[in-house]
Amino acid sequence: MTKLTQTLLAGAAALGLAFTSIVWTAPASASVIDTQPTSAIVAPPAPTSPLSADEIAGLLFMREEEKVARDVYLTLYETWGSQVFSNIARSEQSHMDAVKTLLDRYGIADPAAGKDIGEFSDPDLQTLYTDLSAQGQESLAEALKVGALIEEVDIADLIEELAEVEHSDIQRVYGQLLRGSENHLRAYVSNLERQTGETYQPQVLDQAAYDQIISAASGGGPGQAPGRGGRGRGNN
């Protein structure tokens, strides 16, 4: 589990899911947002050297973190029927599949194998799914805020992982997942404003990093936010 997710869980326990004190600051290397298309995640080249222990741990974690996103969104779609949850859940499945390709390539057992919706090998991610799903039941506005929060966490965790991985195939997949998560964040923020009239306040990213993502053109078609090239459907 990454330090950011540990902080998020601690904040959830201490603040009753009020995450306003959790702030992540983008490193200098993350100052430029890549907006290349992410509609299709292309299989990277075969590996040439073994993975480090940190790279293995990162893949295991990212496989289930993407599952948290998918499962929460499927749960919230069942409650609220807002299409943005269904669209982005499909995208999260493609993210899960991309990480699974890497697990298979390196002969790493899949932590999500045999796990139903809402079931996780990582107990901390299990808690995160339970807490965020419960928060999202309160109202449509809270559900959309949960979606935005999950994408903020994904963005910060992926940038953290990208700073540590050395294998180009993992870097390529993580980069594509990062651009997808940026699209998803824009979609949830725009849907929150359009459907509820509320303005989202970043909970994890610092304001400058958040503003840069929101103001950027979407990295792939229908995930674009209103006023920035699209309708905020978010299926990248």
Protein backbone atom coordinates (compact mmCIF):
# COMPACT_ATOMS: atom_id res chain seq x y z
CA MET A 1 0.00 0.00 0.00
CA THR A 2 1.34 3.43 -0.93
CA LYS A 3 1.97 6.14 1.64
CA LEU A 4 -0.81 8.24 0.08
CA THR A 5 -3.41 5.52 0.51
CA GLN A 6 -2.23 4.95 4.09
CA THR A 7 -2.81 8.66 4.71
CA LEU A 8 -6.21 8.49 3.05
CA LEU A 9 -7.29 5.60 5.26
CA ALA A 10 -6.02 7.37 8.37
CA GLY A 11 -7.96 10.47 7.35
CA ALA A 12 -11.09 8.41 6.82
CA ALA A 13 -10.86 6.94 10.30
CA ALA A 14 -10.01 10.19 12.03
CA LEU A 15 -12.28 12.56 10.13
CA GLY A 16 -15.29 10.42 9.34
CA LEU A 17 -14.53 10.50 5.60
CA ALA A 18 -13.89 14.26 5.57
CA PHE A 19 -10.70 14.25 3.52
CA THR A 20 -10.03 17.98 3.37
CA SER A 21 -6.73 17.78 5.28
CA ILE A 22 -5.07 15.34 2.86
CA VAL A 23 -2.95 17.20 0.33
CA TRP A 24 -0.55 15.72 -2.21
CA THR A 25 1.88 17.97 -4.05
CA ALA A 26 2.99 17.07 -7.55
CA PRO A 27 6.77 16.71 -7.96
CA ALA A 28 8.53 18.91 -10.47
CA SER A 29 8.74 15.99 -12.90
CA ALA A 30 4.94 15.84 -12.99
CA SER A 31 4.44 19.48 -13.96
CA VAL A 32 3.56 18.68 -17.58
CA ILE A 33 0.34 16.74 -18.05
CA ASP A 34 0.45 14.19 -20.89
CA THR A 35 -2.80 14.28 -22.85
CA GLN A 36 -2.22 11.53 -25.41
CA PRO A 37 -5.21 9.24 -26.15
CA THR A 38 -5.88 6.43 -23.69
CA SER A 39 -8.85 4.74 -25.33
CA ALA A 40 -6.76 1.64 -26.10
CA ILE A 41 -4.01 0.35 -23.82
CA VAL A 42 -1.47 -1.30 -26.12
CA ALA A 43 0.48 -4.31 -24.85
CA PRO A 44 4.07 -3.19 -24.21
CA PRO A 45 7.13 -5.14 -25.28
CA ALA A 46 8.24 -8.31 -23.51
CA PRO A 47 10.41 -7.91 -20.38
CA THR A 48 14.19 -8.13 -20.54
CA SER A 49 15.07 -8.31 -16.82
CA PRO A 50 13.44 -9.37 -13.53
CA LEU A 51 11.30 -6.96 -11.56
CA SER A 52 12.42 -5.42 -8.29
CA ALA A 53 10.48 -6.13 -5.11
CA ASP A 54 9.06 -2.60 -5.25
CA GLU A 55 7.89 -3.04 -8.84
CA ILE A 56 6.15 -6.30 -7.93
CA ALA A 57 4.48 -4.69 -4.91
CA GLY A 58 3.40 -1.78 -7.08
CA LEU A 59 1.76 -4.02 -9.68
CA LEU A 60 -0.08 -6.00 -7.02
CA PHE A 61 -1.33 -2.81 -5.42
CA MET A 62 -2.33 -1.11 -8.67
CA ARG A 63 -4.29 -4.17 -9.81
CA GLU A 64 -6.50 -3.95 -6.72
CA GLU A 65 -6.58 -0.15 -6.56
CA GLU A 66 -8.07 -0.12 -10.06
CA LYS A 67 -10.54 -2.75 -8.84
CA VAL A 68 -11.55 -0.47 -5.95
CA ALA A 69 -12.39 2.22 -8.49
CA ARG A 70 -14.34 -0.16 -10.74
CA ASP A 71 -16.27 -1.75 -7.88
CA VAL A 72 -17.17 1.53 -6.18
CA TYR A 73 -18.40 2.97 -9.49
CA LEU A 74 -20.50 -0.11 -10.26
CA THR A 75 -22.01 0.11 -6.78
CA LEU A 76 -22.79 3.80 -7.16
CA TYR A 77 -24.27 3.27 -10.61
CA GLU A 78 -26.69 0.75 -9.12
CA THR A 79 -27.73 3.35 -6.55
CA TRP A 80 -27.95 6.51 -8.65
CA GLY A 81 -28.15 5.39 -12.28
CA SER A 82 -25.85 8.18 -13.44
CA GLN A 83 -24.19 7.04 -16.65
CA VAL A 84 -20.82 8.53 -15.72
CA PHE A 85 -20.33 5.73 -13.16
CA SER A 86 -21.08 3.01 -15.70
CA ASN A 87 -18.87 4.57 -18.36
CA ILE A 88 -15.88 4.99 -16.07
CA ALA A 89 -16.37 1.54 -14.50
CA ARG A 90 -15.87 0.08 -17.99
CA SER A 91 -12.70 2.10 -18.35
CA GLU A 92 -11.46 0.90 -14.96
CA GLN A 93 -11.96 -2.67 -16.16
CA SER A 94 -9.61 -1.95 -19.06
CA HIS A 95 -7.11 -0.53 -16.55
CA MET A 96 -7.39 -3.70 -14.48
CA ASP A 97 -6.85 -5.78 -17.61
CA ALA A 98 -3.73 -3.81 -18.53
CA VAL A 99 -2.17 -4.45 -15.12
CA LYS A 100 -3.22 -8.11 -15.32
CA THR A 101 -1.30 -8.38 -18.60
CA LEU A 102 1.83 -7.28 -16.76
CA LEU A 103 1.20 -9.68 -13.88
CA ASP A 104 0.87 -12.56 -16.34
CA ARG A 105 3.96 -11.49 -18.26
CA TYR A 106 6.10 -11.57 -15.12
CA GLY A 107 4.49 -14.69 -13.63
CA ILE A 108 2.98 -12.86 -10.64
CA ALA A 109 -0.13 -14.29 -9.00
CA ASP A 110 -3.21 -12.10 -9.43
CA PRO A 111 -4.49 -10.72 -6.09
CA ALA A 112 -7.92 -10.13 -7.63
CA ALA A 113 -8.37 -13.70 -8.89
CA GLY A 114 -11.70 -15.14 -7.73
CA LYS A 115 -12.70 -11.91 -6.02
CA ASP A 116 -16.26 -10.67 -6.52
CA ILE A 117 -17.33 -7.02 -6.56
CA GLY A 118 -16.38 -5.51 -3.21
CA GLU A 119 -13.88 -8.26 -2.29
CA PHE A 120 -10.13 -7.55 -1.99
CA SER A 121 -6.97 -9.33 -0.89
CA ASP A 122 -5.55 -6.14 0.59
CA PRO A 123 -7.43 -5.43 3.86
CA ASP A 124 -6.75 -1.71 3.60
CA LEU A 125 -8.27 -1.55 0.14
CA GLN A 126 -11.19 -3.58 1.46
CA THR A 127 -11.76 -0.90 4.09
CA LEU A 128 -11.39 1.86 1.51
CA TYR A 129 -14.01 0.26 -0.75
CA THR A 130 -16.45 -0.14 2.15
CA ASP A 131 -15.99 3.42 3.41
CA LEU A 132 -16.19 5.15 0.04
CA SER A 133 -19.17 3.09 -1.10
CA ALA A 134 -21.00 4.07 2.08
CA GLN A 135 -20.17 7.75 1.60
CA GLY A 136 -21.46 7.56 -1.96
CA GLN A 137 -24.86 6.35 -0.78
CA GLU A 138 -25.58 9.67 0.96
CA SER A 139 -26.48 11.65 -2.17
CA LEU A 140 -25.63 11.91 -5.85
CA ALA A 141 -23.35 14.85 -5.06
CA GLU A 142 -21.44 12.77 -2.49
CA ALA A 143 -21.21 9.90 -4.97
CA LEU A 144 -19.65 12.15 -7.62
CA LYS A 145 -17.25 13.56 -5.03
CA VAL A 146 -16.23 10.00 -4.14
CA GLY A 147 -15.48 9.37 -7.81
CA ALA A 148 -13.34 12.49 -8.02
CA LEU A 149 -11.53 11.58 -4.80
CA ILE A 150 -10.72 8.08 -6.07
CA GLU A 151 -9.28 9.55 -9.26
CA GLU A 152 -7.18 12.02 -7.30
CA VAL A 153 -5.75 9.13 -5.28
CA ASP A 154 -5.11 7.10 -8.44
CA ILE A 155 -3.29 10.03 -10.05
CA ALA A 156 -1.06 10.60 -7.03
CA ASP A 157 -0.32 6.89 -6.59
CA LEU A 158 0.51 6.42 -10.28
CA ILE A 159 2.90 9.36 -10.28
CA GLU A 160 4.54 7.92 -7.17
CA GLU A 161 4.90 4.53 -8.86
CA LEU A 162 6.21 6.08 -12.10
CA ALA A 163 8.98 7.75 -10.13
CA GLU A 164 10.17 4.35 -8.88
CA VAL A 165 9.68 1.81 -11.69
CA GLU A 166 12.55 1.08 -14.09
CA HIS A 167 10.93 -1.28 -16.60
CA SER A 168 9.67 0.55 -19.68
CA ASP A 169 6.66 -1.73 -20.15
CA ILE A 170 5.37 -0.89 -16.67
CA GLN A 171 6.12 2.80 -17.19
CA ARG A 172 4.12 2.76 -20.41
CA VAL A 173 1.06 1.15 -18.84
CA TYR A 174 1.17 3.39 -15.77
CA GLY A 175 1.45 6.44 -18.00
CA GLN A 176 -1.65 5.40 -19.91
CA LEU A 177 -3.54 4.74 -16.69
CA LEU A 178 -2.49 8.16 -15.42
CA ARG A 179 -3.92 9.90 -18.47
CA GLY A 180 -7.13 7.91 -18.11
CA SER A 181 -7.44 8.92 -14.46
CA GLU A 182 -6.98 12.57 -15.38
CA ASN A 183 -9.85 12.22 -17.87
CA HIS A 184 -11.99 10.55 -15.22
CA LEU A 185 -11.29 13.31 -12.71
CA ARG A 186 -12.39 15.93 -15.24
CA ALA A 187 -15.54 13.91 -15.95
CA TYR A 188 -16.55 13.62 -12.29
CA VAL A 189 -15.83 17.28 -11.61
CA SER A 190 -17.86 18.43 -14.62
CA ASN A 191 -20.75 16.08 -13.81
CA LEU A 192 -20.82 17.29 -10.21
CA GLU A 193 -21.21 20.88 -11.38
CA ARG A 194 -23.66 20.07 -14.17
CA GLN A 195 -25.89 17.70 -12.19
CA THR A 196 -25.79 19.27 -8.72
CA GLY A 197 -24.46 22.80 -9.14
CA GLU A 198 -21.63 22.09 -6.67
CA THR A 199 -17.97 22.90 -7.26
CA TYR A 200 -15.47 20.18 -6.36
CA GLN A 201 -12.58 21.07 -4.08
CA PRO A 202 -9.45 18.90 -4.39
CA GLN A 203 -8.83 16.63 -1.42
CA VAL A 204 -5.51 15.00 -2.33
CA LEU A 205 -3.77 16.96 -5.08
CA ASP A 206 -2.51 20.44 -4.36
CA GLN A 207 -4.50 23.23 -5.95
CA ALA A 208 -1.96 23.97 -8.69
CA ALA A 209 -1.71 20.32 -9.80
CA TYR A 210 -5.49 19.96 -9.69
CA ASP A 211 -6.09 23.15 -11.69
CA GLN A 212 -3.60 22.06 -14.33
CA ILE A 213 -5.37 18.73 -14.82
CA ILE A 214 -8.85 20.27 -14.93
CA SER A 215 -7.83 22.96 -17.41
CA ALA A 216 -6.00 20.55 -19.73
CA ALA A 217 -7.60 19.14 -22.85
CA SER A 218 -8.83 15.59 -22.26
CA GLY A 219 -6.40 12.86 -23.26
CA GLY A 220 -8.75 10.81 -25.35
CA GLY A 221 -12.17 11.55 -26.79
CA PRO A 222 -15.34 11.16 -24.75
CA GLY A 223 -13.77 11.66 -21.33
CA GLN A 224 -13.50 15.39 -21.91
CA ALA A 225 -15.06 17.86 -19.55
CA PRO A 226 -17.66 20.44 -20.66
CA GLY A 227 -16.03 23.68 -21.74
CA ARG A 228 -12.77 21.85 -22.44
CA GLY A 229 -13.72 19.85 -25.48
CA GLY A 230 -16.36 17.33 -24.40
CA ARG A 231 -19.33 16.27 -22.32
CA GLY A 232 -17.51 14.66 -19.40
CA ARG A 233 -18.55 11.04 -20.09
CA GLY A 234 -15.17 9.73 -18.97
CA ASN A 235 -14.75 6.35 -20.69
CA ASN A 236 -10.99 6.35 -21.34
